Amino acid sequence: MDAGYAVGSIQIPGGTQPIILHRDAVSGGGYAMVGTVISADMDLVARAAPGTATRFVAVSLADALDARRDHAERRNKAWAALGASR
């Protein structure tokens, strides 16, 4: 049975090495998901080199939403400092 995958879904298809599905990943399949990286951390994941040690920490939905809001505020401030609007 296929399941839909959210961006940031964490899978361990071989049972040893987790993979994180990013924006260019498949949107469905049969592997189980063990978690999801919050959207505020996806840029960090994208910049990590292969083999980078990564620690996953459980967060509540409220914490994830707060982190997303804070990330957006920092990003908007950076764009404003560069004289750009987004």
PDB file of N, CA and C in Angstrom:
ATOM      1  N   MET A   1       0.844  -1.178   0.000  1.00  0.00           N
ATOM      2  CA  MET A   1       0.000   0.000   0.000  1.00  0.00           C
ATOM      3  C   MET A   1       0.891   1.243   0.000  1.00  0.00           C
ATOM      4  N   ASP A   2       0.582   2.194  -0.843  1.00  0.00           N
ATOM      5  CA  ASP A   2       1.337   3.435  -0.897  1.00  0.00           C
ATOM      6  C   ASP A   2       0.869   4.398   0.184  1.00  0.00           C
ATOM      7  N   ALA A   3       1.822   5.225   0.640  1.00  0.00           N
ATOM      8  CA  ALA A   3       1.513   6.260   1.627  1.00  0.00           C
ATOM      9  C   ALA A   3       2.049   7.580   1.103  1.00  0.00           C
ATOM     10  N   GLY A   4       1.367   8.664   1.402  1.00  0.00           N
ATOM     11  CA  GLY A   4       1.853   9.979   1.012  1.00  0.00           C
ATOM     12  C   GLY A   4       2.973  10.427   1.937  1.00  0.00           C
ATOM     13  N   TYR A   5       3.992  11.067   1.397  1.00  0.00           N
ATOM     14  CA  TYR A   5       5.127  11.534   2.176  1.00  0.00           C
ATOM     15  C   TYR A   5       5.124  13.053   2.249  1.00  0.00           C
ATOM     16  N   ALA A   6       5.246  13.574   3.433  1.00  0.00           N
ATOM     17  CA  ALA A   6       5.417  15.017   3.604  1.00  0.00           C
ATOM     18  C   ALA A   6       6.878  15.383   3.344  1.00  0.00           C
ATOM     19  N   VAL A   7       7.118  16.615   2.912  1.00  0.00           N
ATOM     20  CA  VAL A   7       8.494  17.101   2.799  1.00  0.00           C
ATOM     21  C   VAL A   7       9.106  17.026   4.193  1.00  0.00           C
ATOM     22  N   GLY A   8      10.298  16.434   4.283  1.00  0.00           N
ATOM     23  CA  GLY A   8      10.963  16.280   5.564  1.00  0.00           C
ATOM     24  C   GLY A   8      10.752  14.918   6.201  1.00  0.00           C
ATOM     25  N   SER A   9       9.992  14.048   5.542  1.00  0.00           N
ATOM     26  CA  SER A   9       9.771  12.719   6.080  1.00  0.00           C
ATOM     27  C   SER A   9      11.095  11.978   6.225  1.00  0.00           C
ATOM     28  N   ILE A  10      11.231  11.246   7.315  1.00  0.00           N
ATOM     29  CA  ILE A  10      12.444  10.462   7.579  1.00  0.00           C
ATOM     30  C   ILE A  10      12.093   8.995   7.377  1.00  0.00           C
ATOM     31  N   GLN A  11      12.870   8.341   6.523  1.00  0.00           N
ATOM     32  CA  GLN A  11      12.691   6.920   6.272  1.00  0.00           C
ATOM     33  C   GLN A  11      13.995   6.189   6.562  1.00  0.00           C
ATOM     34  N   ILE A  12      13.898   4.910   6.857  1.00  0.00           N
ATOM     35  CA  ILE A  12      15.083   4.071   7.016  1.00  0.00           C
ATOM     36  C   ILE A  12      14.855   2.827   6.160  1.00  0.00           C
ATOM     37  N   PRO A  13      14.988   2.957   4.828  1.00  0.00           N
ATOM     38  CA  PRO A  13      14.610   1.868   3.931  1.00  0.00           C
ATOM     39  C   PRO A  13      15.438   0.598   4.101  1.00  0.00           C
ATOM     40  N   GLY A  14      16.710   0.701   4.415  1.00  0.00           N
ATOM     41  CA  GLY A  14      17.533  -0.492   4.602  1.00  0.00           C
ATOM     42  C   GLY A  14      17.659  -0.887   6.054  1.00  0.00           C
ATOM     43  N   GLY A  15      17.054  -0.117   6.925  1.00  0.00           N
ATOM     44  CA  GLY A  15      17.102  -0.412   8.343  1.00  0.00           C
ATOM     45  C   GLY A  15      18.302   0.144   9.075  1.00  0.00           C
ATOM     46  N   THR A  16      19.212   0.833   8.373  1.00  0.00           N
ATOM     47  CA  THR A  16      20.410   1.337   9.054  1.00  0.00           C
ATOM     48  C   THR A  16      20.679   2.816   8.828  1.00  0.00           C
ATOM     49  N   GLN A  17      20.468   3.315   7.636  1.00  0.00           N
ATOM     50  CA  GLN A  17      20.807   4.694   7.301  1.00  0.00           C
ATOM     51  C   GLN A  17      19.556   5.488   6.975  1.00  0.00           C
ATOM     52  N   PRO A  18      19.189   6.468   7.824  1.00  0.00           N
ATOM     53  CA  PRO A  18      17.984   7.250   7.527  1.00  0.00           C
ATOM     54  C   PRO A  18      18.197   8.167   6.329  1.00  0.00           C
ATOM     55  N   ILE A  19      17.128   8.394   5.602  1.00  0.00           N
ATOM     56  CA  ILE A  19      17.130   9.384   4.530  1.00  0.00           C
ATOM     57  C   ILE A  19      15.999  10.361   4.829  1.00  0.00           C
ATOM     58  N   ILE A  20      16.204  11.608   4.438  1.00  0.00           N
ATOM     59  CA  ILE A  20      15.204  12.654   4.643  1.00  0.00           C
ATOM     60  C   ILE A  20      14.733  13.105   3.270  1.00  0.00           C
ATOM     61  N   LEU A  21      13.441  13.046   3.054  1.00  0.00           N
ATOM     62  CA  LEU A  21      12.884  13.440   1.765  1.00  0.00           C
ATOM     63  C   LEU A  21      12.736  14.953   1.716  1.00  0.00           C
ATOM     64  N   HIS A  22      13.380  15.555   0.721  1.00  0.00           N
ATOM     65  CA  HIS A  22      13.330  17.015   0.578  1.00  0.00           C
ATOM     66  C   HIS A  22      12.345  17.362  -0.521  1.00  0.00           C
ATOM     67  N   ARG A  23      12.351  18.591  -0.942  1.00  0.00           N
ATOM     68  CA  ARG A  23      11.343  19.085  -1.887  1.00  0.00           C
ATOM     69  C   ARG A  23      11.339  18.357  -3.222  1.00  0.00           C
ATOM     70  N   ASP A  24      12.468  17.767  -3.612  1.00  0.00           N
ATOM     71  CA  ASP A  24      12.544  17.103  -4.908  1.00  0.00           C
ATOM     72  C   ASP A  24      12.350  15.592  -4.804  1.00  0.00           C
ATOM     73  N   ALA A  25      11.893  15.111  -3.663  1.00  0.00           N
ATOM     74  CA  ALA A  25      11.726  13.678  -3.443  1.00  0.00           C
ATOM     75  C   ALA A  25      10.375  13.186  -3.972  1.00  0.00           C
ATOM     76  N   VAL A  26      10.247  11.877  -3.981  1.00  0.00           N
ATOM     77  CA  VAL A  26       8.970  11.282  -4.372  1.00  0.00           C
ATOM     78  C   VAL A  26       7.903  11.669  -3.350  1.00  0.00           C
ATOM     79  N   SER A  27       6.656  11.646  -3.761  1.00  0.00           N
ATOM     80  CA  SER A  27       5.580  12.054  -2.850  1.00  0.00           C
ATOM     81  C   SER A  27       4.809  10.871  -2.276  1.00  0.00           C
ATOM     82  N   GLY A  28       5.151   9.661  -2.691  1.00  0.00           N
ATOM     83  CA  GLY A  28       4.449   8.506  -2.163  1.00  0.00           C
ATOM     84  C   GLY A  28       5.237   7.240  -2.392  1.00  0.00           C
ATOM     85  N   GLY A  29       4.898   6.224  -1.652  1.00  0.00           N
ATOM     86  CA  GLY A  29       5.584   4.941  -1.780  1.00  0.00           C
ATOM     87  C   GLY A  29       5.212   4.021  -0.644  1.00  0.00           C
ATOM     88  N   GLY A  30       6.033   3.010  -0.413  1.00  0.00           N
ATOM     89  CA  GLY A  30       5.691   1.999   0.571  1.00  0.00           C
ATOM     90  C   GLY A  30       6.558   1.941   1.806  1.00  0.00           C
ATOM     91  N   TYR A  31       7.580   2.789   1.918  1.00  0.00           N
ATOM     92  CA  TYR A  31       8.442   2.741   3.097  1.00  0.00           C
ATOM     93  C   TYR A  31       7.769   3.431   4.279  1.00  0.00           C
ATOM     94  N   ALA A  32       8.017   2.887   5.456  1.00  0.00           N
ATOM     95  CA  ALA A  32       7.486   3.501   6.674  1.00  0.00           C
ATOM     96  C   ALA A  32       8.275   4.766   6.999  1.00  0.00           C
ATOM     97  N   MET A  33       7.605   5.724   7.593  1.00  0.00           N
ATOM     98  CA  MET A  33       8.250   6.959   8.041  1.00  0.00           C
ATOM     99  C   MET A  33       8.410   6.871   9.551  1.00  0.00           C
ATOM    100  N   VAL A  34       9.590   7.290  10.028  1.00  0.00           N
ATOM    101  CA  VAL A  34       9.838   7.252  11.475  1.00  0.00           C
ATOM    102  C   VAL A  34       9.705   8.634  12.107  1.00  0.00           C
ATOM    103  N   GLY A  35       9.547   9.653  11.278  1.00  0.00           N
ATOM    104  CA  GLY A  35       9.402  11.007  11.782  1.00  0.00           C
ATOM    105  C   GLY A  35       9.426  11.985  10.623  1.00  0.00           C
ATOM    106  N   THR A  36       9.401  13.262  10.970  1.00  0.00           N
ATOM    107  CA  THR A  36       9.444  14.328   9.969  1.00  0.00           C
ATOM    108  C   THR A  36      10.278  15.475  10.515  1.00  0.00           C
ATOM    109  N   VAL A  37      11.200  15.981   9.712  1.00  0.00           N
ATOM    110  CA  VAL A  37      11.991  17.156  10.076  1.00  0.00           C
ATOM    111  C   VAL A  37      11.079  18.370   9.956  1.00  0.00           C
ATOM    112  N   ILE A  38      11.090  19.244  10.971  1.00  0.00           N
ATOM    113  CA  ILE A  38      10.229  20.426  10.914  1.00  0.00           C
ATOM    114  C   ILE A  38      10.724  21.367   9.823  1.00  0.00           C
ATOM    115  N   SER A  39       9.814  22.134   9.270  1.00  0.00           N
ATOM    116  CA  SER A  39      10.146  23.005   8.138  1.00  0.00           C
ATOM    117  C   SER A  39      11.245  24.005   8.471  1.00  0.00           C
ATOM    118  N   ALA A  40      11.308  24.473   9.709  1.00  0.00           N
ATOM    119  CA  ALA A  40      12.326  25.450  10.094  1.00  0.00           C
ATOM    120  C   ALA A  40      13.736  24.866  10.019  1.00  0.00           C
ATOM    121  N   ASP A  41      13.869  23.545  10.057  1.00  0.00           N
ATOM    122  CA  ASP A  41      15.186  22.905  10.017  1.00  0.00           C
ATOM    123  C   ASP A  41      15.550  22.346   8.651  1.00  0.00           C
ATOM    124  N   MET A  42      14.661  22.446   7.681  1.00  0.00           N
ATOM    125  CA  MET A  42      14.940  21.856   6.370  1.00  0.00           C
ATOM    126  C   MET A  42      16.123  22.507   5.665  1.00  0.00           C
ATOM    127  N   ASP A  43      16.348  23.817   5.861  1.00  0.00           N
ATOM    128  CA  ASP A  43      17.517  24.457   5.251  1.00  0.00           C
ATOM    129  C   ASP A  43      18.809  23.879   5.823  1.00  0.00           C
ATOM    130  N   LEU A  44      18.824  23.595   7.129  1.00  0.00           N
ATOM    131  CA  LEU A  44      19.998  22.975   7.749  1.00  0.00           C
ATOM    132  C   LEU A  44      20.260  21.599   7.159  1.00  0.00           C
ATOM    133  N   VAL A  45      19.202  20.844   6.973  1.00  0.00           N
ATOM    134  CA  VAL A  45      19.330  19.511   6.386  1.00  0.00           C
ATOM    135  C   VAL A  45      19.886  19.621   4.969  1.00  0.00           C
ATOM    136  N   ALA A  46      19.387  20.554   4.210  1.00  0.00           N
ATOM    137  CA  ALA A  46      19.815  20.704   2.816  1.00  0.00           C
ATOM    138  C   ALA A  46      21.292  21.063   2.705  1.00  0.00           C
ATOM    139  N   ARG A  47      21.814  21.797   3.681  1.00  0.00           N
ATOM    140  CA  ARG A  47      23.221  22.212   3.636  1.00  0.00           C
ATOM    141  C   ARG A  47      24.175  21.195   4.253  1.00  0.00           C
ATOM    142  N   ALA A  48      23.661  20.183   4.911  1.00  0.00           N
ATOM    143  CA  ALA A  48      24.520  19.197   5.562  1.00  0.00           C
ATOM    144  C   ALA A  48      25.194  18.302   4.520  1.00  0.00           C
ATOM    145  N   ALA A  49      26.468  18.059   4.726  1.00  0.00           N
ATOM    146  CA  ALA A  49      27.208  17.178   3.830  1.00  0.00           C
ATOM    147  C   ALA A  49      26.806  15.722   4.096  1.00  0.00           C
ATOM    148  N   PRO A  50      26.905  14.878   3.085  1.00  0.00           N
ATOM    149  CA  PRO A  50      26.626  13.455   3.324  1.00  0.00           C
ATOM    150  C   PRO A  50      27.499  12.929   4.462  1.00  0.00           C
ATOM    151  N   GLY A  51      26.908  12.131   5.305  1.00  0.00           N
ATOM    152  CA  GLY A  51      27.647  11.556   6.425  1.00  0.00           C
ATOM    153  C   GLY A  51      27.689  12.426   7.667  1.00  0.00           C
ATOM    154  N   THR A  52      27.086  13.617   7.601  1.00  0.00           N
ATOM    155  CA  THR A  52      27.059  14.502   8.762  1.00  0.00           C
ATOM    156  C   THR A  52      26.268  13.844   9.886  1.00  0.00           C
ATOM    157  N   ALA A  53      26.849  13.816  11.076  1.00  0.00           N
ATOM    158  CA  ALA A  53      26.125  13.266  12.234  1.00  0.00           C
ATOM    159  C   ALA A  53      24.954  14.185  12.550  1.00  0.00           C
ATOM    160  N   THR A  54      23.796  13.602  12.694  1.00  0.00           N
ATOM    161  CA  THR A  54      22.577  14.368  12.928  1.00  0.00           C
ATOM    162  C   THR A  54      21.822  13.766  14.100  1.00  0.00           C
ATOM    163  N   ARG A  55      21.315  14.629  14.958  1.00  0.00           N
ATOM    164  CA  ARG A  55      20.530  14.181  16.105  1.00  0.00           C
ATOM    165  C   ARG A  55      19.102  14.671  15.915  1.00  0.00           C
ATOM    166  N   PHE A  56      18.161  13.789  16.077  1.00  0.00           N
ATOM    167  CA  PHE A  56      16.753  14.134  15.948  1.00  0.00           C
ATOM    168  C   PHE A  56      16.158  14.275  17.343  1.00  0.00           C
ATOM    169  N   VAL A  57      15.367  15.318  17.539  1.00  0.00           N
ATOM    170  CA  VAL A  57      14.740  15.598  18.827  1.00  0.00           C
ATOM    171  C   VAL A  57      13.247  15.766  18.596  1.00  0.00           C
ATOM    172  N   ALA A  58      12.459  15.100  19.406  1.00  0.00           N
ATOM    173  CA  ALA A  58      11.010  15.231  19.289  1.00  0.00           C
ATOM    174  C   ALA A  58      10.569  16.622  19.744  1.00  0.00           C
ATOM    175  N   VAL A  59       9.661  17.228  18.997  1.00  0.00           N
ATOM    176  CA  VAL A  59       9.089  18.523  19.372  1.00  0.00           C
ATOM    177  C   VAL A  59       7.579  18.446  19.223  1.00  0.00           C
ATOM    178  N   SER A  60       6.898  19.300  19.945  1.00  0.00           N
ATOM    179  CA  SER A  60       5.440  19.359  19.835  1.00  0.00           C
ATOM    180  C   SER A  60       5.059  20.144  18.582  1.00  0.00           C
ATOM    181  N   LEU A  61       3.817  20.014  18.186  1.00  0.00           N
ATOM    182  CA  LEU A  61       3.327  20.788  17.047  1.00  0.00           C
ATOM    183  C   LEU A  61       3.459  22.280  17.332  1.00  0.00           C
ATOM    184  N   ALA A  62       3.147  22.702  18.545  1.00  0.00           N
ATOM    185  CA  ALA A  62       3.258  24.120  18.914  1.00  0.00           C
ATOM    186  C   ALA A  62       4.701  24.601  18.778  1.00  0.00           C
ATOM    187  N   ASP A  63       5.669  23.787  19.228  1.00  0.00           N
ATOM    188  CA  ASP A  63       7.084  24.160  19.105  1.00  0.00           C
ATOM    189  C   ASP A  63       7.496  24.257  17.642  1.00  0.00           C
ATOM    190  N   ALA A  64       7.009  23.325  16.817  1.00  0.00           N
ATOM    191  CA  ALA A  64       7.334  23.349  15.392  1.00  0.00           C
ATOM    192  C   ALA A  64       6.773  24.600  14.729  1.00  0.00           C
ATOM    193  N   LEU A  65       5.562  24.964  15.080  1.00  0.00           N
ATOM    194  CA  LEU A  65       4.950  26.167  14.511  1.00  0.00           C
ATOM    195  C   LEU A  65       5.669  27.430  14.980  1.00  0.00           C
ATOM    196  N   ASP A  66       6.076  27.476  16.244  1.00  0.00           N
ATOM    197  CA  ASP A  66       6.858  28.611  16.752  1.00  0.00           C
ATOM    198  C   ASP A  66       8.186  28.722  16.013  1.00  0.00           C
ATOM    199  N   ALA A  67       8.854  27.585  15.803  1.00  0.00           N
ATOM    200  CA  ALA A  67      10.130  27.590  15.093  1.00  0.00           C
ATOM    201  C   ALA A  67       9.952  28.059  13.657  1.00  0.00           C
ATOM    202  N   ARG A  68       8.864  27.646  13.002  1.00  0.00           N
ATOM    203  CA  ARG A  68       8.597  28.079  11.629  1.00  0.00           C
ATOM    204  C   ARG A  68       8.377  29.586  11.570  1.00  0.00           C
ATOM    205  N   ARG A  69       7.621  30.122  12.542  1.00  0.00           N
ATOM    206  CA  ARG A  69       7.378  31.568  12.586  1.00  0.00           C
ATOM    207  C   ARG A  69       8.687  32.330  12.813  1.00  0.00           C
ATOM    208  N   ASP A  70       9.500  31.874  13.772  1.00  0.00           N
ATOM    209  CA  ASP A  70      10.784  32.529  14.054  1.00  0.00           C
ATOM    210  C   ASP A  70      11.713  32.478  12.843  1.00  0.00           C
ATOM    211  N   HIS A  71      11.732  31.337  12.161  1.00  0.00           N
ATOM    212  CA  HIS A  71      12.566  31.190  10.969  1.00  0.00           C
ATOM    213  C   HIS A  71      12.125  32.170   9.889  1.00  0.00           C
ATOM    214  N   ALA A  72      10.826  32.297   9.685  1.00  0.00           N
ATOM    215  CA  ALA A  72      10.300  33.223   8.675  1.00  0.00           C
ATOM    216  C   ALA A  72      10.641  34.668   9.028  1.00  0.00           C
ATOM    217  N   GLU A  73      10.559  35.020  10.312  1.00  0.00           N
ATOM    218  CA  GLU A  73      10.896  36.374  10.731  1.00  0.00           C
ATOM    219  C   GLU A  73      12.376  36.675  10.479  1.00  0.00           C
ATOM    220  N   ARG A  74      13.257  35.728  10.802  1.00  0.00           N
ATOM    221  CA  ARG A  74      14.694  35.930  10.554  1.00  0.00           C
ATOM    222  C   ARG A  74      14.979  36.042   9.068  1.00  0.00           C
ATOM    223  N   ARG A  75      14.324  35.192   8.259  1.00  0.00           N
ATOM    224  CA  ARG A  75      14.531  35.238   6.813  1.00  0.00           C
ATOM    225  C   ARG A  75      14.064  36.579   6.246  1.00  0.00           C
ATOM    226  N   ASN A  76      12.897  37.060   6.695  1.00  0.00           N
ATOM    227  CA  ASN A  76      12.379  38.338   6.200  1.00  0.00           C
ATOM    228  C   ASN A  76      13.274  39.497   6.602  1.00  0.00           C
ATOM    229  N   LYS A  77      13.828  39.458   7.816  1.00  0.00           N
ATOM    230  CA  LYS A  77      14.758  40.490   8.249  1.00  0.00           C
ATOM    231  C   LYS A  77      16.031  40.482   7.398  1.00  0.00           C
ATOM    232  N   ALA A  78      16.513  39.295   7.062  1.00  0.00           N
ATOM    233  CA  ALA A  78      17.709  39.189   6.219  1.00  0.00           C
ATOM    234  C   ALA A  78      17.440  39.755   4.830  1.00  0.00           C
ATOM    235  N   TRP A  79      16.280  39.408   4.250  1.00  0.00           N
ATOM    236  CA  TRP A  79      15.934  39.963   2.944  1.00  0.00           C
ATOM    237  C   TRP A  79      15.801  41.483   3.005  1.00  0.00           C
ATOM    238  N   ALA A  80      15.193  41.987   4.074  1.00  0.00           N
ATOM    239  CA  ALA A  80      15.028  43.438   4.223  1.00  0.00           C
ATOM    240  C   ALA A  80      16.392  44.120   4.338  1.00  0.00           C
ATOM    241  N   ALA A  81      17.313  43.509   5.047  1.00  0.00           N
ATOM    242  CA  ALA A  81      18.653  44.087   5.206  1.00  0.00           C
ATOM    243  C   ALA A  81      19.390  44.140   3.865  1.00  0.00           C
ATOM    244  N   LEU A  82      19.037  43.228   2.966  1.00  0.00           N
ATOM    245  CA  LEU A  82      19.648  43.215   1.647  1.00  0.00           C
ATOM    246  C   LEU A  82      18.912  44.133   0.670  1.00  0.00           C
ATOM    247  N   GLY A  83      17.829  44.729   1.133  1.00  0.00           N
ATOM    248  CA  GLY A  83      17.058  45.640   0.286  1.00  0.00           C
ATOM    249  C   GLY A  83      16.129  44.906  -0.658  1.00  0.00           C
ATOM    250  N   ALA A  84      15.834  43.667  -0.341  1.00  0.00           N
ATOM    251  CA  ALA A  84      14.940  42.882  -1.190  1.00  0.00           C
ATOM    252  C   ALA A  84      13.661  42.589  -0.433  1.00  0.00           C
ATOM    253  N   SER A  85      12.608  42.364  -1.154  1.00  0.00           N
ATOM    254  CA  SER A  85      11.351  41.964  -0.516  1.00  0.00           C
ATOM    255  C   SER A  85      10.930  40.621  -1.085  1.00  0.00           C
ATOM    256  N   ARG A  86      10.300  39.824  -0.238  1.00  0.00           N
ATOM    257  CA  ARG A  86       9.844  38.499  -0.693  1.00  0.00           C
ATOM    258  C   ARG A  86       8.486  38.236  -0.158  1.00  0.00           C
TER     259      ARG A  86
END
